[in-house]
Protein backbone atom coordinates (compact mmCIF):
# COMPACT_ATOMS: atom_id res chain seq x y z
CA MET A 1 58.92 26.45 15.59
CA ALA A 2 55.41 26.93 14.19
CA ILE A 3 54.72 30.16 12.43
CA LEU A 4 51.45 32.09 12.90
CA SER A 5 49.96 31.03 9.54
CA ASP A 6 50.44 27.36 10.48
CA TYR A 7 48.71 27.96 13.82
CA GLU A 8 45.73 29.68 12.19
CA GLU A 9 45.43 26.84 9.66
CA ASP A 10 45.40 24.26 12.46
CA GLN A 11 42.68 26.22 14.27
CA GLN A 12 40.58 26.37 11.10
CA ASN A 13 40.97 22.62 10.57
CA GLN A 14 39.80 21.97 14.13
CA GLN A 15 36.68 24.10 13.71
CA PRO A 16 33.78 22.45 11.84
CA SER A 17 32.69 24.17 8.63
CA SER A 18 29.27 25.83 8.43
CA SER A 19 27.93 22.89 6.42
CA LYS A 20 29.18 20.44 9.06
CA LYS A 21 27.56 22.56 11.77
CA GLU A 22 24.26 22.44 9.90
CA ILE A 23 24.49 18.65 9.62
CA ILE A 24 25.24 18.31 13.34
CA LEU A 25 22.32 20.58 14.25
CA ALA A 26 19.99 18.64 11.94
CA GLU A 27 21.04 15.35 13.54
CA LYS A 28 20.43 16.74 17.02
CA GLU A 29 17.00 18.02 16.00
CA ALA A 30 16.12 14.63 14.52
CA GLU A 31 17.19 12.88 17.73
CA ALA A 32 15.13 15.32 19.78
CA LYS A 33 11.94 14.59 17.86
CA LYS A 34 9.36 12.52 19.65
CA PRO A 35 8.75 8.96 18.43
CA GLU A 36 5.17 9.95 17.59
CA GLU A 37 6.36 12.74 15.31
CA LYS A 38 8.74 10.39 13.51
CA GLU A 39 5.96 7.88 12.97
CA GLU A 40 3.69 10.60 11.59
CA GLU A 41 6.40 11.76 9.19
CA GLU A 42 7.11 8.21 7.99
CA GLU A 43 3.40 7.57 7.49
CA LYS A 44 3.04 10.82 5.55
CA GLN A 45 6.03 9.98 3.34
CA GLN A 46 4.64 6.51 2.60
CA LYS A 47 1.24 7.96 1.72
CA GLU A 48 2.77 10.52 -0.63
CA LYS A 49 4.51 7.72 -2.55
CA LYS A 50 1.25 5.88 -3.25
CA LEU A 51 -0.53 6.45 -6.55
CA VAL A 52 -4.16 7.15 -7.37
CA PRO A 53 -5.74 3.95 -8.77
CA ASN A 54 -7.22 3.82 -12.26
CA LYS A 55 -10.95 3.32 -12.89
CA GLU A 56 -10.56 -0.42 -12.33
CA ASN A 57 -8.93 0.11 -8.90
CA GLY A 58 -5.54 -0.92 -10.27
CA LEU A 59 -2.75 0.74 -12.21
CA ASP A 60 -1.70 1.30 -15.83
CA MET A 61 1.87 0.07 -16.17
CA GLU A 62 4.28 0.52 -19.09
CA ASN A 63 3.63 -2.88 -20.75
CA TYR A 64 0.32 -3.91 -19.18
CA SER A 65 -2.52 -2.74 -16.97
CA TRP A 66 -4.34 -4.34 -14.07
CA GLY A 67 -7.53 -3.75 -12.14
CA GLN A 68 -9.37 -5.43 -9.32
CA SER A 69 -12.53 -6.06 -7.39
CA LEU A 70 -12.43 -7.44 -3.87
CA GLN A 71 -12.69 -10.97 -5.28
CA GLU A 72 -10.58 -10.88 -8.45
CA VAL A 73 -7.70 -9.23 -10.26
CA THR A 74 -7.81 -8.66 -14.02
CA VAL A 75 -4.61 -8.20 -16.02
CA ASN A 76 -4.48 -7.00 -19.65
CA VAL A 77 -1.26 -7.51 -21.59
CA PRO A 78 -1.03 -6.17 -25.18
CA VAL A 79 0.83 -8.41 -27.69
CA PRO A 80 1.59 -7.94 -31.42
CA GLN A 81 -1.47 -8.13 -33.69
CA GLY A 82 -1.98 -11.65 -35.06
CA THR A 83 -0.28 -13.44 -32.17
CA LYS A 84 -1.35 -17.07 -31.78
CA SER A 85 -2.15 -18.57 -28.38
CA SER A 86 0.41 -21.33 -29.02
CA LEU A 87 3.14 -18.68 -28.90
CA LEU A 88 2.11 -17.39 -25.47
CA LEU A 89 3.41 -18.24 -22.03
CA CYS A 90 1.12 -17.69 -19.05
CA ASP A 91 2.20 -19.40 -15.84
CA ILE A 92 -0.02 -18.66 -12.84
CA LYS A 93 1.06 -20.05 -9.49
CA THR A 94 -0.14 -19.48 -5.94
CA ASN A 95 2.39 -16.73 -5.30
CA SER A 96 3.77 -15.78 -8.70
CA LEU A 97 2.86 -14.80 -12.26
CA LYS A 98 4.86 -15.10 -15.49
CA VAL A 99 3.46 -13.84 -18.81
CA GLY A 100 4.99 -13.24 -22.22
CA LEU A 101 5.88 -14.65 -25.64
CA LYS A 102 7.80 -17.91 -25.85
CA GLY A 103 11.47 -17.42 -26.61
CA GLN A 104 11.41 -13.78 -25.50
CA PRO A 105 11.96 -12.02 -22.15
CA PRO A 106 8.73 -12.17 -20.08
CA ILE A 107 6.50 -9.12 -19.98
CA ILE A 108 5.41 -9.90 -16.42
CA ASP A 109 7.53 -11.99 -14.06
CA GLY A 110 7.42 -11.74 -10.30
CA GLU A 111 5.85 -12.52 -6.95
CA LEU A 112 2.16 -11.69 -6.63
CA PHE A 113 1.11 -9.19 -3.98
CA LYS A 114 -1.02 -11.85 -2.26
CA PRO A 115 -1.68 -15.60 -2.74
CA VAL A 116 -4.32 -16.67 -5.29
CA LYS A 117 -6.57 -19.65 -6.00
CA VAL A 118 -4.74 -21.18 -8.95
CA ASP A 119 -7.56 -23.56 -9.94
CA ASP A 120 -9.97 -20.64 -10.34
CA CYS A 121 -7.62 -18.52 -12.46
CA ILE A 122 -8.02 -18.40 -16.25
CA TRP A 123 -6.46 -16.56 -19.19
CA SER A 124 -7.38 -16.01 -22.82
CA LEU A 125 -6.16 -14.29 -25.99
CA GLU A 126 -8.59 -11.59 -27.12
CA ASP A 127 -8.68 -10.68 -30.85
CA LYS A 128 -5.14 -12.06 -31.23
CA LYS A 129 -3.74 -8.88 -29.68
CA MET A 130 -4.50 -8.89 -25.93
CA ILE A 131 -3.84 -11.42 -23.18
CA THR A 132 -6.56 -11.19 -20.54
CA ILE A 133 -5.90 -12.89 -17.21
CA LEU A 134 -8.49 -13.38 -14.48
CA ILE A 135 -6.93 -14.05 -11.08
CA CYS A 136 -9.03 -15.18 -8.13
CA LYS A 137 -7.83 -13.78 -4.81
CA ARG A 138 -7.50 -16.11 -1.86
CA ASP A 139 -8.38 -13.32 0.58
CA GLN A 140 -11.46 -11.64 -0.87
CA SER A 141 -11.82 -8.88 1.72
CA GLU A 142 -8.64 -6.92 0.99
CA TRP A 143 -7.47 -4.58 -1.77
CA TRP A 144 -4.14 -5.27 -3.42
CA LYS A 145 -1.69 -2.35 -3.39
CA SER A 146 0.10 -3.68 -6.47
CA LEU A 147 -0.01 -6.65 -8.81
CA LEU A 148 3.55 -7.73 -8.01
CA LYS A 149 5.57 -7.13 -4.88
CA GLY A 150 8.03 -4.29 -5.40
CA ASP A 151 5.89 -2.56 -8.04
CA PRO A 152 4.49 0.98 -7.55
CA GLU A 153 1.64 0.90 -5.00
CA ILE A 154 -1.78 2.49 -5.20
CA ASP A 155 -3.60 4.29 -2.40
CA THR A 156 -6.14 1.61 -1.48
CA GLN A 157 -8.19 4.15 0.49
CA LYS A 158 -9.23 5.57 -2.88
CA ALA A 159 -10.36 2.22 -4.28
CA GLU A 160 -14.11 2.04 -4.88
CA PRO A 161 -15.88 -1.35 -4.77
CA GLU A 162 -18.99 -1.94 -6.84
CA PRO A 163 -21.99 -1.92 -4.45
CA SER A 164 -23.67 -4.71 -6.41
CA LYS A 165 -20.74 -7.01 -5.71
CA LEU A 166 -21.17 -6.81 -1.94
CA SER A 167 -24.35 -8.85 -2.15
CA ASP A 168 -22.35 -11.76 -3.57
CA LEU A 169 -20.23 -12.07 -0.43
CA ASP A 170 -21.01 -14.23 2.58
CA SER A 171 -22.20 -12.40 5.69
CA GLU A 172 -18.84 -12.55 7.51
CA THR A 173 -16.82 -11.25 4.56
CA ARG A 174 -19.44 -8.62 3.78
CA SER A 175 -19.31 -7.31 7.36
CA ALA A 176 -15.52 -7.10 7.17
CA VAL A 177 -15.67 -5.24 3.86
CA GLU A 178 -18.33 -2.79 5.08
CA LYS A 179 -16.25 -2.11 8.20
CA MET A 180 -13.17 -1.50 6.05
CA MET A 181 -15.09 0.89 3.79
CA PHE A 182 -16.48 2.79 6.79
CA ASP A 183 -13.01 3.11 8.35
CA GLN A 184 -11.55 4.37 5.06
CA ARG A 185 -14.21 7.09 4.80
CA GLN A 186 -13.66 8.07 8.44
CA LYS A 187 -9.89 8.35 7.96
CA GLN A 188 -10.33 10.51 4.88
CA LYS A 189 -12.52 12.86 6.91
CA GLY A 190 -10.17 12.82 9.91
CA LEU A 191 -12.82 11.10 12.07
CA PRO A 192 -12.45 8.12 14.44
CA THR A 193 -12.60 4.59 13.01
CA SER A 194 -15.11 1.95 14.14
CA ASP A 195 -12.60 0.49 16.61
CA GLU A 196 -11.86 3.93 18.07
CA ILE A 197 -15.60 4.68 18.38
CA GLN A 198 -16.13 1.38 20.19
CA LYS A 199 -13.29 2.14 22.63
CA GLU A 200 -14.75 5.58 23.34
CA GLU A 201 -18.15 4.04 24.10
CA LEU A 202 -16.55 1.50 26.45
CA MET A 203 -14.70 4.31 28.22
CA LYS A 204 -17.93 6.28 28.69
CA GLN A 205 -19.71 3.23 30.10
CA PHE A 206 -16.86 2.46 32.48
CA MET A 207 -16.73 6.06 33.72
CA ALA A 208 -20.51 6.05 34.24
CA GLN A 209 -20.30 2.83 36.25
CA ASN A 210 -17.45 4.19 38.37
CA PRO A 211 -18.37 7.82 39.12
CA ASN A 212 -16.06 8.01 42.15
CA MET A 213 -12.94 7.15 40.18
CA LYS A 214 -10.81 9.98 38.87
CA PHE A 215 -9.72 9.78 35.25
CA PRO A 216 -7.03 11.96 33.68
CA PRO A 217 -8.14 14.26 30.84
CA GLY A 218 -8.29 12.45 27.52
CA ALA A 219 -8.11 9.00 29.10
CA LYS A 220 -8.67 6.24 26.58
CA PHE A 221 -9.02 2.48 26.46
CA MET A 222 -5.97 0.79 24.92
């Protein structure tokens, strides 16, 4: 025969605690959110994780720093004063980079953010205290978010190309870069990108050519 205290304890065990109720409610609210809202939240979270680039459009890491133009990436690695080039290890491959002192753990070792032109890459020892590496990008119309995959990423929308460098690009690459720069400025201002503007113009032309057709409010070309 169960006594009253046992019955009350069973009832309490069956009822979820306040913290459990809060978790259940939070899960239901998350499930109820629209896919668009989830995408916006994920995009916002990703953007908040990105870092502001340094003056060279790269990032200052603990043991080295890197910067970039649209064509090249420059890496500076400090080494002990008086280091000889014969003691250095600098292995540049299409998709990876390994730098350091022979016989010691590498200072840089990992997969590059994007493929490079190995034959056009060079490195040198400056004043016996700094390894300077010049890496030639294979795709010269895109900013790198990091030197190595998995490293902290920069906000590429805040990267600033040198205007004088644009004249060195071929017409096709230059057009792509100018379009990218325009779209970045538009996004920062909350304005439509070049593709969105083009779609809006096409929609206006189509509506003008078909005045008898009814279009729902806010109709857009996909």
